[in-house]
N, C-alpha and C. Protein backbone atom coordinates (compact mmCIF):
# COMPACT_ATOMS: atom_id res chain seq x y z
N MET A 1 0.83 -1.19 0.00
CA MET A 1 0.00 0.00 0.00
C MET A 1 0.88 1.25 0.00
N THR A 2 2.00 1.21 0.70
CA THR A 2 2.89 2.35 0.78
C THR A 2 3.47 2.69 -0.59
N LEU A 3 3.78 1.68 -1.38
CA LEU A 3 4.31 1.90 -2.72
C LEU A 3 3.28 2.63 -3.58
N PHE A 4 2.02 2.21 -3.50
CA PHE A 4 0.97 2.85 -4.29
C PHE A 4 0.75 4.30 -3.86
N LEU A 5 0.71 4.53 -2.56
CA LEU A 5 0.55 5.90 -2.07
C LEU A 5 1.75 6.78 -2.48
N GLY A 6 2.94 6.19 -2.45
CA GLY A 6 4.13 6.92 -2.90
C GLY A 6 4.04 7.29 -4.37
N LEU A 7 3.51 6.36 -5.21
CA LEU A 7 3.33 6.67 -6.62
C LEU A 7 2.30 7.79 -6.82
N GLY A 8 1.23 7.74 -6.05
CA GLY A 8 0.21 8.78 -6.15
C GLY A 8 0.75 10.15 -5.77
N ILE A 9 1.50 10.19 -4.69
CA ILE A 9 2.09 11.46 -4.25
C ILE A 9 3.14 11.93 -5.26
N ALA A 10 3.91 11.00 -5.81
CA ALA A 10 4.89 11.36 -6.84
C ALA A 10 4.19 11.92 -8.07
N GLY A 11 3.03 11.37 -8.43
CA GLY A 11 2.28 11.90 -9.57
C GLY A 11 1.80 13.32 -9.31
N ILE A 12 1.34 13.60 -8.10
CA ILE A 12 0.91 14.96 -7.75
C ILE A 12 2.12 15.91 -7.78
N ALA A 13 3.26 15.46 -7.26
CA ALA A 13 4.47 16.30 -7.29
C ALA A 13 4.92 16.54 -8.73
N LEU A 14 4.81 15.53 -9.58
CA LEU A 14 5.16 15.68 -10.98
C LEU A 14 4.22 16.67 -11.68
N LEU A 15 2.96 16.65 -11.30
CA LEU A 15 2.00 17.60 -11.86
C LEU A 15 2.36 19.03 -11.45
N LEU A 16 2.73 19.23 -10.20
CA LEU A 16 3.18 20.56 -9.76
C LEU A 16 4.44 20.98 -10.50
N PHE A 17 5.35 20.03 -10.72
CA PHE A 17 6.56 20.29 -11.50
C PHE A 17 6.19 20.70 -12.92
N ALA A 18 5.18 20.03 -13.50
CA ALA A 18 4.73 20.33 -14.86
C ALA A 18 4.14 21.73 -14.95
N LEU A 19 3.45 22.16 -13.91
CA LEU A 19 2.88 23.50 -13.91
C LEU A 19 3.97 24.57 -13.90
N VAL A 20 5.06 24.29 -13.20
CA VAL A 20 6.15 25.26 -13.10
C VAL A 20 7.04 25.21 -14.35
N PHE A 21 7.40 24.02 -14.80
CA PHE A 21 8.31 23.85 -15.93
C PHE A 21 7.55 23.27 -17.13
N ASP A 22 6.63 24.02 -17.66
CA ASP A 22 5.78 23.57 -18.76
C ASP A 22 6.59 23.29 -20.02
N GLY A 23 6.35 22.14 -20.64
CA GLY A 23 6.97 21.81 -21.91
C GLY A 23 8.38 21.26 -21.82
N LEU A 24 8.86 20.95 -20.64
CA LEU A 24 10.23 20.48 -20.48
C LEU A 24 10.46 19.14 -21.17
N LEU A 25 9.59 18.17 -20.91
CA LEU A 25 9.79 16.84 -21.47
C LEU A 25 9.63 16.85 -22.99
N GLU A 26 8.69 17.66 -23.51
CA GLU A 26 8.53 17.73 -24.96
C GLU A 26 9.78 18.29 -25.62
N SER A 27 10.43 19.25 -24.96
CA SER A 27 11.63 19.85 -25.55
C SER A 27 12.79 18.86 -25.57
N LEU A 28 12.81 17.89 -24.67
CA LEU A 28 13.88 16.89 -24.68
C LEU A 28 13.80 16.00 -25.91
N PHE A 29 12.58 15.78 -26.43
CA PHE A 29 12.40 14.90 -27.58
C PHE A 29 12.32 15.66 -28.90
N ASP A 30 12.57 16.97 -28.90
CA ASP A 30 12.52 17.75 -30.13
C ASP A 30 13.61 17.34 -31.11
N GLY A 31 14.74 16.87 -30.63
CA GLY A 31 15.85 16.51 -31.50
C GLY A 31 15.64 15.20 -32.24
N PHE A 32 14.69 14.39 -31.84
CA PHE A 32 14.46 13.10 -32.49
C PHE A 32 13.42 13.26 -33.59
N SER A 33 13.88 13.49 -34.82
CA SER A 33 12.93 13.72 -35.92
C SER A 33 12.15 12.45 -36.25
N ALA A 34 12.72 11.26 -35.95
CA ALA A 34 12.01 10.01 -36.22
C ALA A 34 10.80 9.87 -35.31
N MET A 35 10.83 10.51 -34.11
CA MET A 35 9.73 10.40 -33.16
C MET A 35 8.71 11.52 -33.34
N GLU A 36 8.98 12.45 -34.27
CA GLU A 36 8.10 13.60 -34.44
C GLU A 36 6.69 13.15 -34.82
N GLY A 37 5.72 13.56 -34.03
CA GLY A 37 4.33 13.22 -34.29
C GLY A 37 3.93 11.84 -33.82
N LEU A 38 4.90 11.04 -33.37
CA LEU A 38 4.59 9.67 -32.95
C LEU A 38 3.75 9.66 -31.70
N PHE A 39 4.16 10.40 -30.71
CA PHE A 39 3.41 10.42 -29.45
C PHE A 39 2.46 11.61 -29.37
N ASP A 40 2.75 12.69 -30.05
CA ASP A 40 1.88 13.86 -30.17
C ASP A 40 1.22 14.26 -28.87
N GLY A 41 2.02 14.57 -27.86
CA GLY A 41 1.50 15.03 -26.58
C GLY A 41 1.40 13.96 -25.51
N TRP A 42 1.58 12.70 -25.88
CA TRP A 42 1.47 11.62 -24.89
C TRP A 42 2.64 11.62 -23.92
N LEU A 43 3.77 12.21 -24.31
CA LEU A 43 4.92 12.27 -23.40
C LEU A 43 5.00 13.60 -22.67
N SER A 44 3.89 14.30 -22.56
CA SER A 44 3.91 15.56 -21.83
C SER A 44 3.88 15.27 -20.32
N LEU A 45 4.44 16.17 -19.56
CA LEU A 45 4.48 15.97 -18.11
C LEU A 45 3.09 15.86 -17.48
N PRO A 46 2.09 16.66 -17.88
CA PRO A 46 0.77 16.49 -17.26
C PRO A 46 0.17 15.11 -17.52
N VAL A 47 0.37 14.56 -18.72
CA VAL A 47 -0.18 13.23 -19.03
C VAL A 47 0.51 12.17 -18.19
N ILE A 48 1.82 12.24 -18.10
CA ILE A 48 2.56 11.26 -17.29
C ILE A 48 2.22 11.42 -15.81
N ALA A 49 2.05 12.66 -15.36
CA ALA A 49 1.68 12.90 -13.96
C ALA A 49 0.30 12.35 -13.65
N GLY A 50 -0.65 12.53 -14.56
CA GLY A 50 -1.99 11.99 -14.37
C GLY A 50 -1.97 10.47 -14.31
N PHE A 51 -1.20 9.86 -15.20
CA PHE A 51 -1.10 8.40 -15.19
C PHE A 51 -0.49 7.90 -13.89
N THR A 52 0.61 8.51 -13.47
CA THR A 52 1.32 8.06 -12.26
C THR A 52 0.45 8.25 -11.02
N ALA A 53 -0.22 9.38 -10.91
CA ALA A 53 -1.05 9.65 -9.73
C ALA A 53 -2.21 8.66 -9.67
N MET A 54 -2.88 8.43 -10.77
CA MET A 54 -4.02 7.51 -10.75
C MET A 54 -3.59 6.05 -10.60
N LEU A 55 -2.42 5.70 -11.13
CA LEU A 55 -1.89 4.36 -10.89
C LEU A 55 -1.69 4.15 -9.40
N GLY A 56 -1.07 5.11 -8.76
CA GLY A 56 -0.80 4.98 -7.33
C GLY A 56 -2.05 5.02 -6.48
N PHE A 57 -2.88 6.04 -6.66
CA PHE A 57 -4.08 6.15 -5.82
C PHE A 57 -5.12 5.09 -6.14
N GLY A 58 -5.26 4.73 -7.42
CA GLY A 58 -6.19 3.65 -7.79
C GLY A 58 -5.76 2.31 -7.20
N GLY A 59 -4.46 2.04 -7.26
CA GLY A 59 -3.94 0.80 -6.67
C GLY A 59 -4.09 0.80 -5.16
N ALA A 60 -3.83 1.93 -4.50
CA ALA A 60 -3.96 2.02 -3.05
C ALA A 60 -5.41 1.83 -2.62
N ILE A 61 -6.34 2.43 -3.33
CA ILE A 61 -7.76 2.28 -2.99
C ILE A 61 -8.21 0.84 -3.18
N THR A 62 -7.78 0.24 -4.28
CA THR A 62 -8.15 -1.16 -4.54
C THR A 62 -7.55 -2.08 -3.48
N LEU A 63 -6.31 -1.88 -3.13
CA LEU A 63 -5.63 -2.71 -2.15
C LEU A 63 -6.23 -2.53 -0.76
N GLY A 64 -6.62 -1.30 -0.43
CA GLY A 64 -7.15 -1.03 0.91
C GLY A 64 -8.61 -1.40 1.09
N THR A 65 -9.41 -1.42 0.02
CA THR A 65 -10.85 -1.66 0.17
C THR A 65 -11.29 -3.06 -0.23
N THR A 66 -10.43 -3.80 -0.89
CA THR A 66 -10.80 -5.16 -1.31
C THR A 66 -9.78 -6.15 -0.79
N GLY A 67 -10.08 -7.39 -0.93
CA GLY A 67 -9.14 -8.42 -0.51
C GLY A 67 -8.23 -8.86 -1.63
N LEU A 68 -8.22 -8.12 -2.73
CA LEU A 68 -7.38 -8.47 -3.88
C LEU A 68 -5.91 -8.21 -3.55
N GLY A 69 -5.04 -8.86 -4.26
CA GLY A 69 -3.61 -8.71 -4.03
C GLY A 69 -3.01 -7.54 -4.78
N ALA A 70 -1.69 -7.47 -4.70
CA ALA A 70 -0.96 -6.36 -5.30
C ALA A 70 -1.05 -6.39 -6.83
N ALA A 71 -1.10 -7.58 -7.44
CA ALA A 71 -1.18 -7.69 -8.90
C ALA A 71 -2.50 -7.13 -9.41
N ALA A 72 -3.61 -7.46 -8.75
CA ALA A 72 -4.92 -6.95 -9.15
C ALA A 72 -4.99 -5.44 -8.91
N ALA A 73 -4.43 -4.97 -7.80
CA ALA A 73 -4.41 -3.54 -7.51
C ALA A 73 -3.59 -2.80 -8.57
N THR A 74 -2.49 -3.40 -9.01
CA THR A 74 -1.69 -2.79 -10.07
C THR A 74 -2.48 -2.72 -11.36
N GLY A 75 -3.21 -3.78 -11.69
CA GLY A 75 -4.04 -3.79 -12.90
C GLY A 75 -5.11 -2.71 -12.86
N VAL A 76 -5.79 -2.57 -11.72
CA VAL A 76 -6.80 -1.52 -11.58
C VAL A 76 -6.15 -0.15 -11.67
N GLY A 77 -4.98 0.00 -11.07
CA GLY A 77 -4.26 1.28 -11.12
C GLY A 77 -3.83 1.63 -12.53
N VAL A 78 -3.38 0.64 -13.30
CA VAL A 78 -2.98 0.89 -14.68
C VAL A 78 -4.17 1.33 -15.52
N VAL A 79 -5.32 0.68 -15.34
CA VAL A 79 -6.52 1.06 -16.08
C VAL A 79 -6.95 2.49 -15.69
N ALA A 80 -6.96 2.78 -14.39
CA ALA A 80 -7.33 4.11 -13.93
C ALA A 80 -6.32 5.15 -14.42
N GLY A 81 -5.04 4.80 -14.40
CA GLY A 81 -4.00 5.71 -14.88
C GLY A 81 -4.12 5.97 -16.37
N ALA A 82 -4.43 4.93 -17.14
CA ALA A 82 -4.60 5.12 -18.59
C ALA A 82 -5.79 6.03 -18.87
N GLY A 83 -6.86 5.86 -18.09
CA GLY A 83 -8.03 6.74 -18.26
C GLY A 83 -7.70 8.18 -17.93
N ALA A 84 -6.98 8.38 -16.84
CA ALA A 84 -6.59 9.74 -16.45
C ALA A 84 -5.64 10.36 -17.47
N ALA A 85 -4.71 9.55 -17.98
CA ALA A 85 -3.77 10.05 -19.00
C ALA A 85 -4.52 10.44 -20.26
N TRP A 86 -5.48 9.63 -20.69
CA TRP A 86 -6.25 9.94 -21.89
C TRP A 86 -7.06 11.21 -21.70
N LEU A 87 -7.73 11.35 -20.55
CA LEU A 87 -8.51 12.56 -20.28
C LEU A 87 -7.62 13.81 -20.23
N THR A 88 -6.45 13.68 -19.63
CA THR A 88 -5.52 14.80 -19.57
C THR A 88 -5.05 15.18 -20.97
N TRP A 89 -4.75 14.19 -21.79
CA TRP A 89 -4.32 14.44 -23.16
C TRP A 89 -5.41 15.14 -23.96
N LYS A 90 -6.65 14.65 -23.86
CA LYS A 90 -7.77 15.26 -24.59
C LYS A 90 -8.02 16.69 -24.11
N PHE A 91 -7.97 16.90 -22.81
CA PHE A 91 -8.21 18.23 -22.25
C PHE A 91 -7.13 19.21 -22.68
N SER A 92 -5.87 18.79 -22.66
CA SER A 92 -4.78 19.68 -23.07
C SER A 92 -4.86 19.99 -24.56
N ARG A 93 -5.27 19.04 -25.38
CA ARG A 93 -5.43 19.30 -26.82
C ARG A 93 -6.58 20.28 -27.06
N ALA A 94 -7.65 20.14 -26.29
CA ALA A 94 -8.78 21.08 -26.44
C ALA A 94 -8.35 22.49 -26.04
N LEU A 95 -7.54 22.61 -25.00
CA LEU A 95 -7.06 23.92 -24.59
C LEU A 95 -6.12 24.53 -25.63
N MET A 96 -5.31 23.70 -26.27
CA MET A 96 -4.38 24.20 -27.28
C MET A 96 -5.10 24.67 -28.53
N ARG A 97 -6.24 24.07 -28.85
CA ARG A 97 -7.00 24.47 -30.03
C ARG A 97 -7.82 25.72 -29.79
N ASP A 98 -8.01 26.11 -28.55
CA ASP A 98 -8.81 27.28 -28.24
C ASP A 98 -8.11 28.53 -28.74
N GLN A 99 -8.72 29.20 -29.70
CA GLN A 99 -8.14 30.40 -30.29
C GLN A 99 -8.94 31.63 -29.87
N THR A 100 -8.27 32.71 -29.70
CA THR A 100 -8.94 33.96 -29.38
C THR A 100 -8.99 34.84 -30.62
N ASP A 101 -9.83 35.83 -30.58
CA ASP A 101 -9.90 36.78 -31.68
C ASP A 101 -8.63 37.61 -31.71
N ALA A 102 -8.37 38.18 -32.87
CA ALA A 102 -7.19 39.04 -33.01
C ALA A 102 -7.37 40.29 -32.15
N THR A 103 -6.29 40.73 -31.57
CA THR A 103 -6.31 41.94 -30.76
C THR A 103 -6.52 43.15 -31.65
N PRO A 104 -7.50 44.01 -31.33
CA PRO A 104 -7.70 45.20 -32.16
C PRO A 104 -6.49 46.13 -32.11
N ARG A 105 -6.20 46.74 -33.23
CA ARG A 105 -5.06 47.65 -33.33
C ARG A 105 -5.55 49.01 -33.84
N GLY A 106 -4.69 49.98 -33.72
CA GLY A 106 -5.03 51.32 -34.18
C GLY A 106 -5.30 51.37 -35.67
N SER A 107 -4.61 50.54 -36.45
CA SER A 107 -4.83 50.53 -37.90
C SER A 107 -6.22 50.02 -38.26
N ASP A 108 -6.89 49.32 -37.34
CA ASP A 108 -8.25 48.86 -37.58
C ASP A 108 -9.24 50.02 -37.60
N LEU A 109 -8.81 51.18 -37.13
CA LEU A 109 -9.69 52.35 -37.06
C LEU A 109 -9.80 53.12 -38.37
N VAL A 110 -8.92 52.83 -39.33
CA VAL A 110 -8.93 53.57 -40.59
C VAL A 110 -10.30 53.41 -41.24
N GLY A 111 -10.93 54.56 -41.56
CA GLY A 111 -12.25 54.56 -42.17
C GLY A 111 -13.38 54.68 -41.19
N SER A 112 -13.08 54.69 -39.90
CA SER A 112 -14.15 54.83 -38.90
C SER A 112 -14.29 56.29 -38.48
N SER A 113 -15.38 56.56 -37.80
CA SER A 113 -15.62 57.95 -37.37
C SER A 113 -15.38 58.09 -35.88
N GLY A 114 -15.21 59.32 -35.47
CA GLY A 114 -15.02 59.64 -34.07
C GLY A 114 -15.41 61.08 -33.82
N SER A 115 -15.25 61.52 -32.61
CA SER A 115 -15.57 62.92 -32.28
C SER A 115 -14.36 63.56 -31.61
N VAL A 116 -14.22 64.85 -31.85
CA VAL A 116 -13.07 65.59 -31.32
C VAL A 116 -13.32 65.93 -29.86
N VAL A 117 -12.37 65.59 -29.00
CA VAL A 117 -12.45 65.87 -27.57
C VAL A 117 -11.71 67.17 -27.25
N THR A 118 -10.53 67.32 -27.82
CA THR A 118 -9.73 68.53 -27.68
C THR A 118 -9.52 69.09 -29.09
N ALA A 119 -9.82 70.36 -29.28
CA ALA A 119 -9.74 70.97 -30.61
C ALA A 119 -8.39 70.70 -31.26
N ILE A 120 -8.44 70.50 -32.59
CA ILE A 120 -7.23 70.19 -33.35
C ILE A 120 -6.87 71.42 -34.19
N PRO A 121 -5.70 72.04 -33.93
CA PRO A 121 -5.28 73.17 -34.77
C PRO A 121 -4.75 72.66 -36.12
N ALA A 122 -4.72 73.50 -37.11
CA ALA A 122 -4.22 73.10 -38.44
C ALA A 122 -2.77 72.62 -38.33
N GLY A 123 -2.53 71.38 -38.75
CA GLY A 123 -1.18 70.80 -38.71
C GLY A 123 -0.72 70.42 -37.32
N GLY A 124 -1.54 70.62 -36.32
CA GLY A 124 -1.17 70.31 -34.94
C GLY A 124 -1.94 69.11 -34.40
N TYR A 125 -1.77 68.88 -33.12
CA TYR A 125 -2.41 67.72 -32.49
C TYR A 125 -3.52 68.15 -31.54
N GLY A 126 -4.55 67.33 -31.51
CA GLY A 126 -5.64 67.43 -30.55
C GLY A 126 -5.98 66.02 -30.11
N GLU A 127 -7.20 65.81 -29.62
CA GLU A 127 -7.60 64.47 -29.18
C GLU A 127 -8.96 64.13 -29.77
N VAL A 128 -9.11 62.84 -30.13
CA VAL A 128 -10.38 62.35 -30.64
C VAL A 128 -10.79 61.12 -29.84
N LEU A 129 -12.09 60.89 -29.79
CA LEU A 129 -12.64 59.71 -29.14
C LEU A 129 -13.22 58.81 -30.22
N VAL A 130 -12.68 57.60 -30.33
CA VAL A 130 -13.14 56.62 -31.32
C VAL A 130 -13.47 55.33 -30.59
N HIS A 131 -14.15 54.42 -31.27
CA HIS A 131 -14.50 53.13 -30.67
C HIS A 131 -13.65 52.04 -31.30
N LEU A 132 -12.88 51.35 -30.47
CA LEU A 132 -12.00 50.28 -30.91
C LEU A 132 -12.37 49.02 -30.16
N GLY A 133 -12.82 48.01 -30.88
CA GLY A 133 -13.24 46.76 -30.24
C GLY A 133 -14.44 46.95 -29.33
N GLY A 134 -15.30 47.91 -29.68
CA GLY A 134 -16.49 48.16 -28.89
C GLY A 134 -16.27 49.05 -27.68
N GLN A 135 -15.05 49.50 -27.47
CA GLN A 135 -14.72 50.34 -26.32
C GLN A 135 -14.31 51.74 -26.78
N PRO A 136 -14.75 52.78 -26.08
CA PRO A 136 -14.29 54.12 -26.44
C PRO A 136 -12.83 54.30 -26.04
N VAL A 137 -12.03 54.82 -26.99
CA VAL A 137 -10.60 55.02 -26.76
C VAL A 137 -10.25 56.42 -27.24
N LYS A 138 -9.44 57.11 -26.45
CA LYS A 138 -9.01 58.46 -26.80
C LYS A 138 -7.62 58.38 -27.42
N TYR A 139 -7.47 59.00 -28.60
CA TYR A 139 -6.20 59.04 -29.32
C TYR A 139 -5.79 60.48 -29.56
N ALA A 140 -4.49 60.70 -29.69
CA ALA A 140 -3.99 61.98 -30.18
C ALA A 140 -4.32 62.01 -31.67
N ALA A 141 -4.72 63.17 -32.17
CA ALA A 141 -5.12 63.25 -33.57
C ALA A 141 -4.50 64.47 -34.22
N LYS A 142 -4.14 64.30 -35.50
CA LYS A 142 -3.55 65.38 -36.28
C LYS A 142 -4.42 65.58 -37.52
N SER A 143 -4.61 66.85 -37.88
CA SER A 143 -5.41 67.17 -39.06
C SER A 143 -4.75 68.31 -39.82
N GLU A 144 -4.93 68.31 -41.15
CA GLU A 144 -4.36 69.39 -41.96
C GLU A 144 -5.16 70.68 -41.82
N THR A 145 -6.43 70.55 -41.47
CA THR A 145 -7.29 71.73 -41.28
C THR A 145 -7.69 71.79 -39.82
N PRO A 146 -8.01 72.97 -39.31
CA PRO A 146 -8.45 73.05 -37.91
C PRO A 146 -9.81 72.39 -37.73
N VAL A 147 -9.97 71.69 -36.61
CA VAL A 147 -11.22 70.99 -36.31
C VAL A 147 -11.64 71.39 -34.89
N ALA A 148 -12.88 71.86 -34.76
CA ALA A 148 -13.38 72.32 -33.46
C ALA A 148 -13.76 71.15 -32.56
N ARG A 149 -13.81 71.44 -31.28
CA ARG A 149 -14.21 70.44 -30.29
C ARG A 149 -15.65 70.02 -30.57
N GLY A 150 -15.92 68.69 -30.50
CA GLY A 150 -17.26 68.15 -30.72
C GLY A 150 -17.56 67.80 -32.17
N ALA A 151 -16.68 68.18 -33.10
CA ALA A 151 -16.91 67.89 -34.52
C ALA A 151 -16.69 66.40 -34.80
N GLU A 152 -17.39 65.90 -35.81
CA GLU A 152 -17.23 64.51 -36.22
C GLU A 152 -16.07 64.43 -37.22
N VAL A 153 -15.22 63.41 -37.07
CA VAL A 153 -14.06 63.24 -37.95
C VAL A 153 -14.00 61.80 -38.46
N TRP A 154 -13.29 61.64 -39.60
CA TRP A 154 -12.99 60.32 -40.15
C TRP A 154 -11.52 60.03 -39.93
N VAL A 155 -11.21 58.81 -39.61
CA VAL A 155 -9.81 58.41 -39.42
C VAL A 155 -9.23 58.06 -40.78
N GLU A 156 -8.16 58.76 -41.17
CA GLU A 156 -7.51 58.52 -42.46
C GLU A 156 -6.39 57.49 -42.35
N SER A 157 -5.62 57.56 -41.25
CA SER A 157 -4.52 56.61 -41.07
C SER A 157 -4.08 56.61 -39.62
N ALA A 158 -3.35 55.56 -39.26
CA ALA A 158 -2.76 55.48 -37.93
C ALA A 158 -1.32 55.95 -38.04
N LEU A 159 -1.00 57.05 -37.39
CA LEU A 159 0.36 57.59 -37.44
C LEU A 159 1.31 56.80 -36.55
N SER A 160 0.81 56.37 -35.41
CA SER A 160 1.59 55.56 -34.47
C SER A 160 0.59 54.77 -33.64
N THR A 161 1.06 54.13 -32.60
CA THR A 161 0.16 53.36 -31.75
C THR A 161 -0.75 54.24 -30.91
N THR A 162 -0.40 55.53 -30.81
CA THR A 162 -1.20 56.43 -29.97
C THR A 162 -1.75 57.63 -30.71
N SER A 163 -1.50 57.73 -32.02
CA SER A 163 -1.99 58.91 -32.74
C SER A 163 -2.58 58.53 -34.10
N LEU A 164 -3.52 59.36 -34.54
CA LEU A 164 -4.22 59.12 -35.80
C LEU A 164 -4.20 60.38 -36.65
N ALA A 165 -4.31 60.20 -37.96
CA ALA A 165 -4.53 61.31 -38.88
C ALA A 165 -6.02 61.31 -39.19
N VAL A 166 -6.67 62.46 -39.01
CA VAL A 166 -8.12 62.55 -39.20
C VAL A 166 -8.44 63.70 -40.14
N ARG A 167 -9.68 63.68 -40.66
CA ARG A 167 -10.19 64.80 -41.43
C ARG A 167 -11.63 65.02 -41.01
N PRO A 168 -12.08 66.28 -41.05
CA PRO A 168 -13.45 66.54 -40.63
C PRO A 168 -14.46 65.97 -41.61
N VAL A 169 -15.60 65.54 -41.09
CA VAL A 169 -16.68 65.02 -41.93
C VAL A 169 -17.44 66.21 -42.50
N GLU A 170 -17.60 66.19 -43.82
CA GLU A 170 -18.33 67.28 -44.48
C GLU A 170 -19.69 66.76 -44.89
N ARG A 171 -20.73 67.41 -44.42
CA ARG A 171 -22.09 66.98 -44.74
C ARG A 171 -22.78 68.00 -45.58
């Protein structure tokens, strides 16, 4: 029983190690081009940790609650460990496939409208309020013609990450 509990605790410790040193075991096998794609995540630390922990705890539970011997407890632990390893592998693959939308950038504002917050002198800088990714964002703005506070403007280009070139909307 002590051996099984030791394996379970070692699996938990290996899982903590995997959380801190993510991808360590995969990087060790990067040099073997013949093995590329062969295991495809099966040799990751979380998968091995899940297998080891469930082998140990499954075997300990079987040994402690039934009259079966160590061989049967090992068999139950291997089955439980394989199940935990498979679930860990599937879960990690699902997390890796999860993609987020592209981060909005200032260049995404070209062609959109906004309003002037601080008046823009001819050839100088003022401030405009535009909506980026559904959120109001204030940018420094430059215009060739003077634009009064509260006027509607069109974004012509992104000058930098914090400034835009705008022109007044003519109606």
